[in-house]
Structures are given as C-alpha cells and as structure tokens.
C-alpha atoms as a PDB file:
ATOM      1  CA  MET A   1      -0.618  -2.959  -0.255  1.00  0.00           C
ATOM      2  CA  LYS A   2      -1.204  -1.168   3.024  1.00  0.00           C
ATOM      3  CA  ASN A   3       0.416   2.205   3.682  1.00  0.00           C
ATOM      4  CA  ILE A   4       1.773   2.737   7.183  1.00  0.00           C
ATOM      5  CA  SER A   5       2.268   6.322   8.288  1.00  0.00           C
ATOM      6  CA  GLN A   6       5.439   7.348  10.076  1.00  0.00           C
ATOM      7  CA  GLN A   7       3.364   8.450  13.081  1.00  0.00           C
ATOM      8  CA  SER A   8       1.582   5.076  13.267  1.00  0.00           C
ATOM      9  CA  PHE A   9       4.929   3.280  12.996  1.00  0.00           C
ATOM     10  CA  GLU A  10       6.470   5.341  15.790  1.00  0.00           C
ATOM     11  CA  GLN A  11       3.444   4.754  18.046  1.00  0.00           C
ATOM     12  CA  ALA A  12       3.581   1.001  17.450  1.00  0.00           C
ATOM     13  CA  MET A  13       7.291   0.940  18.265  1.00  0.00           C
ATOM     14  CA  ASP A  14       6.949   2.994  21.461  1.00  0.00           C
ATOM     15  CA  GLY A  15       8.810   1.220  24.248  1.00  0.00           C
ATOM     16  CA  ILE A  16      10.721  -1.039  21.839  1.00  0.00           C
ATOM     17  CA  VAL A  17      14.425  -0.378  21.375  1.00  0.00           C
ATOM     18  CA  SER A  18      14.643   0.086  17.622  1.00  0.00           C
ATOM     19  CA  ASP A  19      15.314   2.668  14.944  1.00  0.00           C
ATOM     20  CA  THR A  20      12.086   4.275  13.706  1.00  0.00           C
ATOM     21  CA  ASN A  21      13.687   5.704  10.582  1.00  0.00           C
ATOM     22  CA  ALA A  22      11.268   5.621   7.620  1.00  0.00           C
ATOM     23  CA  ALA A  23      13.568   3.130   5.886  1.00  0.00           C
ATOM     24  CA  PHE A  24      12.529   0.514   8.471  1.00  0.00           C
ATOM     25  CA  ARG A  25       8.778   1.018   8.093  1.00  0.00           C
ATOM     26  CA  ASP A  26       8.430  -2.257   6.172  1.00  0.00           C
ATOM     27  CA  GLU A  27       9.280  -3.954   9.489  1.00  0.00           C
ATOM     28  CA  ALA A  28       6.460  -2.204  11.364  1.00  0.00           C
ATOM     29  CA  PRO A  29       4.251  -4.496  13.464  1.00  0.00           C
ATOM     30  CA  GLN A  30       1.297  -3.492  11.249  1.00  0.00           C
ATOM     31  CA  ALA A  31       3.078  -5.037   8.227  1.00  0.00           C
ATOM     32  CA  TYR A  32       2.710  -8.559   9.615  1.00  0.00           C
ATOM     33  CA  LYS A  33      -0.221 -10.951   9.738  1.00  0.00           C
ATOM     34  CA  ASP A  34      -1.651 -11.898  13.131  1.00  0.00           C
ATOM     35  CA  LEU A  35       0.644 -14.650  14.444  1.00  0.00           C
ATOM     36  CA  THR A  36      -2.111 -16.548  16.251  1.00  0.00           C
ATOM     37  CA  THR A  37      -4.177 -16.760  13.061  1.00  0.00           C
ATOM     38  CA  VAL A  38      -1.191 -17.890  10.986  1.00  0.00           C
ATOM     39  CA  MET A  39      -0.205 -20.599  13.467  1.00  0.00           C
ATOM     40  CA  THR A  40      -3.803 -21.803  13.884  1.00  0.00           C
ATOM     41  CA  ASN A  41      -4.142 -22.163  10.118  1.00  0.00           C
ATOM     42  CA  GLN A  42      -1.111 -24.453   9.986  1.00  0.00           C
ATOM     43  CA  ASP A  43      -1.661 -26.422  13.185  1.00  0.00           C
ATOM     44  CA  SER A  44      -1.447 -29.721  11.295  1.00  0.00           C
ATOM     45  CA  LEU A  45       2.055 -28.777  10.110  1.00  0.00           C
ATOM     46  CA  VAL A  46       3.718 -27.400  13.237  1.00  0.00           C
ATOM     47  CA  LYS A  47       3.830 -27.835  16.980  1.00  0.00           C
ATOM     48  CA  ILE A  48       4.074 -24.586  18.928  1.00  0.00           C
ATOM     49  CA  VAL A  49       6.718 -24.976  21.619  1.00  0.00           C
ATOM     50  CA  HIS A  50       7.335 -21.344  22.635  1.00  0.00           C
ATOM     51  CA  ARG A  51       6.123 -17.913  21.684  1.00  0.00           C
ATOM     52  CA  LEU A  52       8.637 -15.069  21.800  1.00  0.00           C
ATOM     53  CA  LYS A  53       7.777 -11.431  22.417  1.00  0.00           C
ATOM     54  CA  PRO A  54      10.049  -8.507  21.515  1.00  0.00           C
ATOM     55  CA  LEU A  55      11.434  -6.475  24.400  1.00  0.00           C
END
C-alpha cells in the first residue's frame, strides 16, 4: 500500500474544486492507476468513446 502525504495530496488537488481534508486522501489522484495503461490493457473488451477530465 502506498502512503500519500497530506502535502502531496494538496499539491495534486491544486486548482481542483474539492475538499482536501485528510479523510478524502484515499481519493487522491496518486491512489489511481494510470488510465491510459488500464484502458490499453483491456482494449479487446471496451471501445473508448470519450475521455473526461476533472475541472
């Protein structure tokens, strides 16, 4: 399991309207796998129609 510091979480969320309370750290961008890699690995299962980006 990877530990994400509060400072790293706040830096990653800079410019994104969200609560950076420590309770939400499990939703930090660093907690997720790279989306491009995940989608490439399952390209025989899905068809990418759109890619959304948080505001």
